[in-house]
Amino acid sequence: MTAADLLADLYVLDRTMKSIEAVLDPAAKQVEIAALEEEAAAPDLWNDQDNAQRVTSKLSRLQAEVDRLTALRGRVDDIAILVELAEEENDPATLAEAAKELKTLSADMAALEIRTLLAGEYDQRDALITIRSEAGGIDAADFAAMLLRMYLRWAERHGYSTEVYDTSFAEEAGIKSATFTIREPFAYGMLSVEQGTHRLVRISPFDNQGRRQTSFAGVEVLPVTEETDHIDIPEADIRVDVFRSSGPGGQSVNTTDSAVRITHLPTGVVVSCQNEKSQLQNKAAALRVLQSRLLERARAEKEAEMRGLKGDGGNSWGSQMRSYVLHPYQMVKDLRTDFEVGNPDGVFDGDIDGFLDAGIRWRRQQGER
């Protein structure tokens, strides 16, 4: 790639960066940061813990966004200097370095551009994900375990922290269900497009006649609740059961009844947690999951009410949202966006960014219609 080619590509990136800055408005964020810093410095800040949590969380998030924008703008300017230096000194090594950095910067900027589309009420939250095996027997349980690994590998690729709250193992292979969090700003906004039914078509490894099997798994994605959500759950509204944690094949993991199952009596919502070592820790984790489910329930009821007022009884989101085909050909396809790849192994190893980006753009288009 010549210096002229690099400068042409850099010009395009610079325009993209300007459009991102116009949407995210770092100058306005700096003004907001200054006001929040003044609030955070107040000696009586923690007299109101809910407000203190709101102030410190928002301050941290805004500062991280501004720092990211500033760093990207600096990288654009640095590449321009590298290209200029390479031209002046006729230095192919410096030109190659600039080309490499340009490619990396382009990917980072594309990710930030997608971030500008995440403007939902809870999009900036951590994500709480539950995967359940559905129709398909042992193949469905195995498929659910494959999806669990896929999302955990995706988080690992990006350096996001995860915590598995509960895993219910199937008798022969795979899992009946698993609930876990991915802790990263905007994790919910990015992963909410994964909600729905996933379908796997393959030659079943569990069928001694080698027949093709179609199996299904459901993915639920919720925003993690925060202190300011005020999801009150009176003790009288819940039933708490304790049981012994278990792993694959029913093997005993703990010798005490430390796992906790909570039933929310008014709604019938049931959650459980067995990942922590103590009963108290498991109860606290299960309550966090229950709060997220109730928050989403309230949001869905409000959304349904608004759709009713608008006369829109339909749902633009189909239940079945992605097919993973391993036989007779290799393909993974999103049924809403038509985005597809021919490398299922890569997808199951966590390479799902293309699907997330396409889903977020699709959702934005649906909202604009």
Protein backbone atom coordinates (compact mmCIF):
# COMPACT_ATOMS: atom_id res chain seq x y z
CA MET A 1 0.00 0.00 0.00
CA THR A 2 1.38 3.40 -1.01
CA ALA A 3 1.44 6.53 1.12
CA ALA A 4 -1.28 8.02 -1.11
CA ASP A 5 -3.51 4.97 -0.50
CA LEU A 6 -2.97 5.23 3.25
CA LEU A 7 -3.80 8.93 3.27
CA ALA A 8 -6.99 8.28 1.27
CA ASP A 9 -8.09 5.60 3.77
CA LEU A 10 -7.12 7.85 6.66
CA TYR A 11 -9.26 10.65 5.20
CA VAL A 12 -12.28 8.31 5.26
CA LEU A 13 -11.54 7.32 8.87
CA ASP A 14 -11.16 10.96 9.84
CA ARG A 15 -14.63 11.70 8.44
CA THR A 16 -16.04 8.71 10.32
CA MET A 17 -14.37 9.93 13.51
CA LYS A 18 -15.91 13.39 13.04
CA SER A 19 -19.39 11.87 12.63
CA ILE A 20 -18.86 9.79 15.81
CA GLU A 21 -17.72 12.89 17.69
CA ALA A 22 -20.79 14.78 16.42
CA VAL A 23 -23.08 12.09 17.85
CA LEU A 24 -21.25 11.41 21.13
CA ASP A 25 -20.33 15.11 21.62
CA PRO A 26 -17.24 14.89 23.88
CA ALA A 27 -17.36 18.65 24.62
CA ALA A 28 -20.86 18.32 26.11
CA LYS A 29 -19.72 15.25 28.04
CA GLN A 30 -16.82 17.26 29.52
CA VAL A 31 -19.30 19.85 30.80
CA GLU A 32 -21.40 17.07 32.33
CA ILE A 33 -18.27 15.49 33.86
CA ALA A 34 -17.32 18.79 35.51
CA ALA A 35 -20.79 19.06 37.07
CA LEU A 36 -20.69 15.47 38.29
CA GLU A 37 -17.20 15.94 39.73
CA GLU A 38 -18.55 18.85 41.73
CA GLU A 39 -21.38 16.67 43.03
CA ALA A 40 -18.97 13.83 43.82
CA ALA A 41 -16.77 16.19 45.84
CA ALA A 42 -19.63 17.16 48.17
CA PRO A 43 -18.87 16.01 51.74
CA ASP A 44 -22.44 14.76 52.27
CA LEU A 45 -22.56 12.78 49.01
CA TRP A 46 -22.91 9.38 50.66
CA ASN A 47 -25.73 10.49 52.95
CA ASP A 48 -27.96 9.50 50.04
CA GLN A 49 -26.46 6.22 48.83
CA ASP A 50 -28.76 5.86 45.81
CA ASN A 51 -27.79 9.30 44.52
CA ALA A 52 -24.11 8.70 45.30
CA GLN A 53 -24.22 5.47 43.30
CA ARG A 54 -25.87 7.29 40.39
CA VAL A 55 -23.32 10.13 40.44
CA THR A 56 -20.19 7.97 40.70
CA SER A 57 -21.37 5.42 38.13
CA LYS A 58 -22.31 8.07 35.59
CA LEU A 59 -19.07 9.97 36.18
CA SER A 60 -16.99 6.85 35.63
CA ARG A 61 -18.88 5.92 32.46
CA LEU A 62 -18.69 9.40 30.94
CA GLN A 63 -14.97 9.76 31.71
CA ALA A 64 -14.27 6.39 30.08
CA GLU A 65 -16.20 7.45 26.95
CA VAL A 66 -14.34 10.76 26.67
CA ASP A 67 -10.97 9.05 27.23
CA ARG A 68 -11.78 6.54 24.48
CA LEU A 69 -12.76 9.28 22.02
CA THR A 70 -9.64 11.29 22.85
CA ALA A 71 -7.42 8.24 22.36
CA LEU A 72 -8.95 7.42 18.97
CA ARG A 73 -8.61 10.99 17.76
CA GLY A 74 -4.95 10.93 18.85
CA ARG A 75 -4.36 7.71 16.90
CA VAL A 76 -5.80 9.27 13.73
CA ASP A 77 -3.36 12.17 14.08
CA ASP A 78 -0.44 9.85 14.89
CA ILE A 79 -0.99 7.79 11.73
CA ALA A 80 -0.94 10.96 9.62
CA ILE A 81 2.42 11.86 11.16
CA LEU A 82 3.78 8.34 10.52
CA VAL A 83 2.78 8.46 6.85
CA GLU A 84 4.33 11.91 6.45
CA LEU A 85 7.54 10.68 8.09
CA ALA A 86 7.66 7.59 5.87
CA GLU A 87 7.27 9.75 2.75
CA GLU A 88 10.00 12.18 3.79
CA GLU A 89 12.52 9.47 4.63
CA ASN A 90 11.37 6.94 2.02
CA ASP A 91 11.05 4.37 4.81
CA PRO A 92 9.00 1.24 3.89
CA ALA A 93 9.14 -0.07 7.48
CA THR A 94 7.46 3.06 8.87
CA LEU A 95 4.88 2.91 6.08
CA ALA A 96 4.13 -0.72 6.96
CA GLU A 97 3.77 0.26 10.62
CA ALA A 98 1.30 2.99 9.64
CA ALA A 99 -0.70 0.52 7.51
CA LYS A 100 -0.89 -1.95 10.40
CA GLU A 101 -2.05 0.71 12.84
CA LEU A 102 -4.60 1.98 10.32
CA LYS A 103 -6.15 -1.50 10.08
CA THR A 104 -6.37 -1.80 13.87
CA LEU A 105 -7.77 1.71 14.21
CA SER A 106 -10.41 0.99 11.55
CA ALA A 107 -11.69 -2.02 13.55
CA ASP A 108 -11.71 -0.07 16.84
CA MET A 109 -13.56 2.82 15.21
CA ALA A 110 -16.16 0.47 13.69
CA ALA A 111 -16.85 -0.89 17.17
CA LEU A 112 -17.27 2.65 18.53
CA GLU A 113 -19.53 3.57 15.61
CA ILE A 114 -21.82 0.70 16.61
CA ARG A 115 -21.77 2.08 20.17
CA THR A 116 -23.39 5.29 18.87
CA LEU A 117 -26.45 3.20 17.94
CA LEU A 118 -26.93 1.96 21.52
CA ALA A 119 -29.20 4.58 23.02
CA GLY A 120 -31.78 2.41 24.79
CA GLU A 121 -32.72 3.02 28.42
CA TYR A 122 -30.66 0.06 29.68
CA ASP A 123 -28.16 -0.39 26.83
CA GLN A 124 -25.18 0.75 28.89
CA ARG A 125 -25.77 -1.94 31.56
CA ASP A 126 -24.01 -5.24 32.16
CA ALA A 127 -25.82 -8.22 30.61
CA LEU A 128 -27.54 -11.09 32.42
CA ILE A 129 -27.92 -14.05 30.06
CA THR A 130 -29.86 -17.29 30.46
CA ILE A 131 -29.55 -20.15 27.97
CA ARG A 132 -32.09 -22.99 27.98
CA SER A 133 -32.21 -26.19 25.96
CA GLU A 134 -35.51 -26.55 24.11
CA ALA A 135 -36.81 -29.10 21.58
CA GLY A 136 -34.33 -31.75 20.49
CA GLY A 137 -33.54 -33.84 23.55
CA ILE A 138 -29.88 -34.57 24.23
CA ASP A 139 -28.82 -32.67 21.09
CA ALA A 140 -30.59 -29.56 22.39
CA ALA A 141 -28.81 -29.87 25.75
CA ASP A 142 -25.48 -30.22 23.94
CA PHE A 143 -26.35 -27.21 21.74
CA ALA A 144 -27.16 -25.11 24.83
CA ALA A 145 -23.70 -25.95 26.23
CA MET A 146 -22.13 -24.93 22.89
CA LEU A 147 -23.91 -21.55 23.07
CA LEU A 148 -22.78 -21.05 26.67
CA ARG A 149 -19.17 -21.61 25.60
CA MET A 150 -19.68 -19.31 22.58
CA TYR A 151 -20.72 -16.33 24.70
CA LEU A 152 -18.06 -16.94 27.35
CA ARG A 153 -15.41 -17.18 24.61
CA TRP A 154 -16.72 -13.95 23.05
CA ALA A 155 -16.32 -12.19 26.41
CA GLU A 156 -12.85 -13.70 26.87
CA ARG A 157 -11.75 -12.49 23.40
CA HIS A 158 -12.67 -8.93 24.39
CA GLY A 159 -11.30 -9.09 27.92
CA TYR A 160 -14.75 -8.77 29.55
CA SER A 161 -15.29 -10.36 32.95
CA THR A 162 -17.97 -13.00 33.42
CA GLU A 163 -19.66 -14.74 36.32
CA VAL A 164 -21.71 -17.93 36.05
CA TYR A 165 -24.52 -17.94 38.61
CA ASP A 166 -26.16 -21.27 37.94
CA THR A 167 -25.76 -24.28 35.65
CA SER A 168 -28.25 -27.13 35.45
CA PHE A 169 -26.54 -30.06 33.76
CA ALA A 170 -28.43 -32.56 31.61
CA GLU A 171 -28.18 -36.25 32.46
CA GLU A 172 -26.32 -37.51 29.37
CA ALA A 173 -24.52 -34.44 27.97
CA GLY A 174 -24.80 -30.69 27.82
CA ILE A 175 -26.94 -28.45 30.01
CA LYS A 176 -30.60 -27.86 30.68
CA SER A 177 -29.91 -24.20 31.46
CA ALA A 178 -27.25 -21.72 32.58
CA THR A 179 -27.40 -18.15 33.87
CA PHE A 180 -24.40 -15.83 33.80
CA THR A 181 -23.40 -12.17 33.62
CA ILE A 182 -21.03 -10.36 31.29
CA ARG A 183 -19.67 -7.29 33.04
CA GLU A 184 -18.80 -4.51 30.60
CA PRO A 185 -20.44 -1.15 29.87
CA PHE A 186 -22.97 -1.61 27.04
CA ALA A 187 -22.83 -5.42 27.28
CA TYR A 188 -26.63 -5.49 27.45
CA GLY A 189 -27.01 -3.18 24.47
CA MET A 190 -24.64 -5.30 22.39
CA LEU A 191 -26.02 -8.69 23.39
CA SER A 192 -29.74 -7.88 23.59
CA VAL A 193 -29.96 -8.65 19.84
CA GLU A 194 -29.06 -12.27 20.68
CA GLN A 195 -32.38 -12.87 22.43
CA GLY A 196 -34.57 -15.49 20.79
CA THR A 197 -34.49 -19.09 19.61
CA HIS A 198 -31.30 -20.49 18.09
CA ARG A 199 -31.49 -23.56 15.82
CA LEU A 200 -28.80 -26.17 15.15
CA VAL A 201 -28.88 -28.62 12.20
CA ARG A 202 -26.24 -31.38 12.19
CA ILE A 203 -25.56 -35.08 12.11
CA SER A 204 -26.27 -36.02 15.71
CA PRO A 205 -23.19 -37.35 17.55
CA PHE A 206 -25.64 -39.09 19.88
CA ASP A 207 -27.51 -41.03 17.15
CA ASN A 208 -25.88 -44.38 16.39
CA GLN A 209 -27.59 -44.35 12.98
CA GLY A 210 -25.94 -41.05 12.03
CA ARG A 211 -29.16 -39.23 11.25
CA ARG A 212 -29.53 -35.49 10.83
CA GLN A 213 -31.03 -33.76 13.88
CA THR A 214 -32.54 -30.30 14.34
CA SER A 215 -32.41 -28.95 17.88
CA PHE A 216 -33.24 -25.66 19.55
CA ALA A 217 -31.99 -23.51 22.43
CA GLY A 218 -33.43 -20.28 23.82
CA VAL A 219 -31.36 -17.24 24.78
CA GLU A 220 -32.69 -14.61 27.19
CA VAL A 221 -30.74 -11.35 27.68
CA LEU A 222 -31.61 -8.93 30.49
CA PRO A 223 -30.02 -5.74 31.84
CA VAL A 224 -28.38 -6.13 35.25
CA THR A 225 -30.17 -4.07 37.87
CA GLU A 226 -28.52 -1.13 39.61
CA GLU A 227 -29.03 0.46 43.01
CA THR A 228 -31.20 3.17 41.48
CA ASP A 229 -33.75 0.76 39.95
CA HIS A 230 -35.79 0.41 43.16
CA ILE A 231 -36.98 -3.13 42.47
CA ASP A 232 -38.40 -3.84 45.91
CA ILE A 233 -39.06 -7.49 46.71
CA PRO A 234 -40.78 -7.97 50.08
CA GLU A 235 -39.74 -11.11 51.92
CA ALA A 236 -43.41 -12.15 52.03
CA ASP A 237 -43.41 -12.29 48.20
CA ILE A 238 -40.68 -14.91 47.91
CA ARG A 239 -40.15 -18.54 48.87
CA VAL A 240 -36.54 -19.59 49.41
CA ASP A 241 -35.55 -23.25 49.03
CA VAL A 242 -32.06 -24.60 49.63
CA PHE A 243 -30.53 -27.69 48.06
CA ARG A 244 -27.18 -29.33 47.45
CA SER A 245 -25.13 -28.03 44.52
CA SER A 246 -24.34 -30.61 41.88
CA GLY A 247 -22.22 -30.94 38.77
CA PRO A 248 -22.31 -33.17 35.69
CA GLY A 249 -23.76 -36.61 36.31
CA GLY A 250 -25.14 -35.51 39.67
CA GLN A 251 -21.73 -35.57 41.33
CA SER A 252 -21.71 -33.75 44.64
CA VAL A 253 -19.87 -30.45 44.49
CA ASN A 254 -20.67 -29.29 48.01
CA THR A 255 -21.35 -31.34 51.10
CA THR A 256 -23.79 -28.74 52.45
CA ASP A 257 -27.12 -27.39 51.18
CA SER A 258 -25.64 -24.11 49.90
CA ALA A 259 -27.50 -23.75 46.57
CA VAL A 260 -30.55 -21.48 46.65
CA ARG A 261 -33.78 -21.42 44.64
CA ILE A 262 -36.07 -18.38 44.96
CA THR A 263 -39.69 -18.35 43.79
CA HIS A 264 -41.37 -14.97 43.35
CA LEU A 265 -44.91 -15.83 44.45
CA PRO A 266 -46.85 -12.97 42.73
CA THR A 267 -45.40 -13.73 39.28
CA GLY A 268 -44.23 -17.35 39.53
CA VAL A 269 -40.70 -16.39 38.39
CA VAL A 270 -38.14 -18.93 39.65
CA VAL A 271 -34.37 -18.33 39.82
CA SER A 272 -31.53 -20.31 41.38
CA CYS A 273 -27.85 -19.92 42.11
CA GLN A 274 -25.29 -22.53 43.14
CA ASN A 275 -22.03 -20.95 42.02
CA GLU A 276 -21.04 -19.31 45.30
CA LYS A 277 -19.63 -21.20 48.30
CA SER A 278 -22.11 -20.03 50.92
CA GLN A 279 -25.88 -20.05 51.11
CA LEU A 280 -25.94 -16.30 51.84
CA GLN A 281 -23.84 -15.50 48.76
CA ASN A 282 -26.04 -17.68 46.58
CA LYS A 283 -29.18 -16.03 47.94
CA ALA A 284 -27.77 -12.56 47.21
CA ALA A 285 -26.83 -13.59 43.65
CA ALA A 286 -30.24 -15.19 43.06
CA LEU A 287 -31.96 -12.02 44.27
CA ARG A 288 -29.93 -9.99 41.74
CA VAL A 289 -31.10 -12.32 38.96
CA LEU A 290 -34.70 -12.05 40.18
CA GLN A 291 -34.49 -8.26 40.23
CA SER A 292 -33.29 -8.24 36.61
CA ARG A 293 -36.14 -10.54 35.56
CA LEU A 294 -38.71 -8.33 37.31
CA LEU A 295 -37.16 -5.18 35.80
CA GLU A 296 -37.43 -6.68 32.32
CA ARG A 297 -40.99 -7.81 33.05
CA ALA A 298 -41.96 -4.26 34.00
CA ARG A 299 -40.23 -2.89 30.87
CA ALA A 300 -41.98 -5.42 28.62
CA GLU A 301 -45.38 -4.60 30.15
CA LYS A 302 -44.78 -0.89 29.60
CA GLU A 303 -43.66 -1.54 26.01
CA ALA A 304 -46.74 -3.70 25.34
CA GLU A 305 -48.96 -0.94 26.72
CA MET A 306 -47.30 1.61 24.42
CA ARG A 307 -47.72 -0.71 21.41
CA GLY A 308 -51.38 -1.05 22.32
CA LEU A 309 -51.78 2.72 22.43
CA LYS A 310 -50.10 2.95 19.01
CA GLY A 311 -52.31 0.19 17.63
CA ASP A 312 -49.31 -2.05 16.97
CA GLY A 313 -50.12 -5.52 18.23
CA GLY A 314 -47.32 -7.23 16.33
CA ASN A 315 -43.74 -7.88 17.32
CA SER A 316 -41.02 -7.09 14.78
CA TRP A 317 -38.69 -9.54 16.53
CA GLY A 318 -39.18 -13.11 15.38
CA SER A 319 -38.68 -15.80 17.98
CA GLN A 320 -36.35 -17.88 15.81
CA MET A 321 -33.39 -15.64 15.08
CA ARG A 322 -30.37 -17.70 13.97
CA SER A 323 -29.60 -21.01 12.29
CA TYR A 324 -26.36 -22.93 12.73
CA VAL A 325 -26.07 -25.52 9.95
CA LEU A 326 -23.29 -28.12 10.13
CA HIS A 327 -24.80 -30.58 7.62
CA PRO A 328 -25.25 -30.91 4.64
CA TYR A 329 -23.29 -27.62 4.33
CA GLN A 330 -21.55 -25.26 6.75
CA MET A 331 -23.26 -21.96 7.50
CA VAL A 332 -24.46 -19.73 10.31
CA LYS A 333 -27.18 -17.27 9.30
CA ASP A 334 -29.13 -14.60 11.13
CA LEU A 335 -32.75 -14.89 10.00
CA ARG A 336 -33.55 -11.21 10.64
CA THR A 337 -30.55 -9.48 9.07
CA ASP A 338 -29.52 -12.19 6.54
CA PHE A 339 -25.94 -11.80 7.80
CA GLU A 340 -24.19 -15.14 7.37
CA VAL A 341 -20.76 -16.77 7.57
CA GLY A 342 -19.47 -20.12 6.39
CA ASN A 343 -17.34 -20.89 9.45
CA PRO A 344 -19.49 -22.34 12.27
CA ASP A 345 -16.38 -23.42 14.21
CA GLY A 346 -15.25 -19.79 14.43
CA VAL A 347 -18.70 -18.67 15.54
CA PHE A 348 -18.88 -21.32 18.27
CA ASP A 349 -15.42 -20.16 19.37
CA GLY A 350 -16.83 -16.68 20.08
CA ASP A 351 -16.45 -14.89 16.75
CA ILE A 352 -19.91 -13.29 16.77
CA ASP A 353 -19.11 -9.58 16.41
CA GLY A 354 -20.39 -9.52 12.82
CA PHE A 355 -23.76 -10.88 13.98
CA LEU A 356 -23.93 -8.38 16.84
CA ASP A 357 -23.12 -5.41 14.59
CA ALA A 358 -25.66 -6.50 11.97
CA GLY A 359 -28.31 -7.05 14.65
CA ILE A 360 -27.77 -3.63 16.23
CA ARG A 361 -27.95 -1.90 12.83
CA TRP A 362 -31.09 -3.90 11.96
CA ARG A 363 -32.76 -2.97 15.23
CA ARG A 364 -31.97 0.70 14.63
CA GLN A 365 -33.54 0.49 11.15
CA GLN A 366 -36.66 -1.15 12.58
CA GLY A 367 -36.98 1.71 15.07
CA GLU A 368 -36.67 4.33 12.33
CA ARG A 369 -39.51 2.88 10.23
